[in-house]
Amino acid sequence: MIIDELGYLSFDASGASLLFQIFAARYETKSTLVTSNLEFSKWVTFLGQDEHMTAALIGRLIHQSVILKNKYDQLEIIPLVISYKGEQHSSYSITLQKASHGT
């Protein structure tokens, strides 16, 4: 499953709960890719203002995942989370940066 631009639209409490249920059902069983232009600390602002549910959702999403942060644009840091079905590995983070070219 691919979710692009998570956070572009806000969820009310029931919508955030449904999203949590989707991620919980996929947890450690199916691959999931999520992009967002908001860092994890701001996800509560679009997930129904429920800090506990947001923390649990992020926890399930990033456990045993790869997180890519795009820093090409200084105004935008995009967490990209890739969860792999059935693979046992530690979570880790990779930062993508523009290559500097000599003149």
Protein backbone atom coordinates (compact mmCIF):
# COMPACT_ATOMS: atom_id res chain seq x y z
CA MET A 1 0.00 0.00 0.00
CA ILE A 2 1.27 3.50 -0.81
CA ILE A 3 0.00 6.60 0.98
CA ASP A 4 1.30 9.79 -0.60
CA GLU A 5 1.25 13.18 1.17
CA LEU A 6 -0.11 11.96 4.51
CA GLY A 7 -0.95 15.10 6.44
CA TYR A 8 -2.11 17.11 3.44
CA LEU A 9 -5.66 16.72 4.74
CA SER A 10 -6.61 16.46 8.41
CA PHE A 11 -8.57 13.60 9.94
CA ASP A 12 -11.22 13.92 12.60
CA ALA A 13 -11.03 11.48 15.53
CA SER A 14 -12.97 8.72 13.74
CA GLY A 15 -10.97 9.11 10.52
CA ALA A 16 -7.69 8.97 12.45
CA SER A 17 -8.94 5.87 14.25
CA LEU A 18 -9.73 4.19 10.92
CA LEU A 19 -6.25 5.04 9.62
CA PHE A 20 -4.75 3.58 12.79
CA GLN A 21 -6.77 0.39 12.26
CA ILE A 22 -5.44 0.10 8.69
CA PHE A 23 -1.83 0.48 9.84
CA ALA A 24 -2.40 -1.89 12.78
CA ALA A 25 -3.88 -4.54 10.46
CA ARG A 26 -0.88 -4.25 8.12
CA TYR A 27 1.69 -4.17 10.96
CA GLU A 28 4.40 -6.79 10.35
CA THR A 29 2.31 -8.50 7.67
CA LYS A 30 2.24 -6.25 4.59
CA SER A 31 4.50 -3.66 2.96
CA THR A 32 3.54 -0.01 3.39
CA LEU A 33 5.07 3.16 1.92
CA VAL A 34 4.12 6.58 3.31
CA THR A 35 5.26 10.05 2.27
CA SER A 36 4.59 13.24 4.22
CA ASN A 37 5.96 16.75 4.28
CA LEU A 38 5.51 16.88 8.06
CA GLU A 39 7.95 15.48 10.59
CA PHE A 40 6.59 12.88 12.99
CA SER A 41 6.35 15.35 15.89
CA LYS A 42 3.66 17.27 13.94
CA TRP A 43 1.50 14.31 12.93
CA VAL A 44 -0.80 14.78 15.93
CA THR A 45 -1.99 18.03 14.30
CA PHE A 46 -3.69 16.16 11.44
CA LEU A 47 -4.57 12.92 13.27
CA GLY A 48 -7.48 14.10 15.38
CA GLN A 49 -5.30 15.70 18.10
CA ASP A 50 -5.00 12.32 19.89
CA GLU A 51 -1.39 12.09 21.09
CA HIS A 52 -1.60 8.49 22.32
CA MET A 53 -3.16 7.15 19.12
CA THR A 54 -0.69 9.14 17.00
CA ALA A 55 2.26 7.73 18.94
CA ALA A 56 0.90 4.19 18.54
CA LEU A 57 0.29 4.72 14.81
CA ILE A 58 3.82 6.05 14.25
CA GLY A 59 5.25 3.24 16.38
CA ARG A 60 3.59 0.57 14.25
CA LEU A 61 4.57 2.35 11.06
CA ILE A 62 8.27 2.81 11.83
CA HIS A 63 8.98 -0.44 13.69
CA GLN A 64 11.31 -2.52 11.50
CA SER A 65 11.20 0.06 8.70
CA VAL A 66 13.46 2.25 6.61
CA ILE A 67 13.02 6.01 6.99
CA LEU A 68 14.32 8.28 4.23
CA LYS A 69 14.51 12.01 4.87
CA ASN A 70 14.67 14.26 1.83
CA LYS A 71 16.56 17.47 2.54
CA TYR A 72 16.78 18.71 -1.06
CA ASP A 73 14.62 21.70 -0.18
CA GLN A 74 15.59 23.39 3.08
CA LEU A 75 11.92 24.24 3.76
CA GLU A 76 10.72 20.68 3.40
CA ILE A 77 11.81 17.54 5.26
CA ILE A 78 9.88 14.54 4.00
CA PRO A 79 9.82 11.37 6.06
CA LEU A 80 9.40 8.40 3.75
CA VAL A 81 8.70 5.21 5.63
CA ILE A 82 8.99 1.81 4.03
CA SER A 83 7.81 -1.19 6.03
CA TYR A 84 8.76 -4.61 4.74
CA LYS A 85 6.48 -7.63 4.98
CA GLY A 86 7.91 -10.36 7.15
CA GLU A 87 11.53 -9.20 7.25
CA GLN A 88 13.25 -8.93 10.60
CA HIS A 89 15.61 -5.98 10.71
CA SER A 90 16.22 -2.89 12.77
CA SER A 91 14.75 0.48 11.86
CA TYR A 92 17.22 2.96 10.51
CA SER A 93 17.23 6.37 8.92
CA ILE A 94 18.84 7.59 5.70
CA THR A 95 19.16 11.27 4.81
CA LEU A 96 19.21 12.21 1.13
CA GLN A 97 21.15 15.35 0.30
CA LYS A 98 21.98 17.16 -2.91
CA ALA A 99 25.36 16.27 -4.30
CA SER A 100 27.70 19.25 -4.44
CA HIS A 101 29.30 19.71 -7.81
CA GLY A 102 32.66 21.44 -8.16
CA THR A 103 32.98 24.35 -10.56
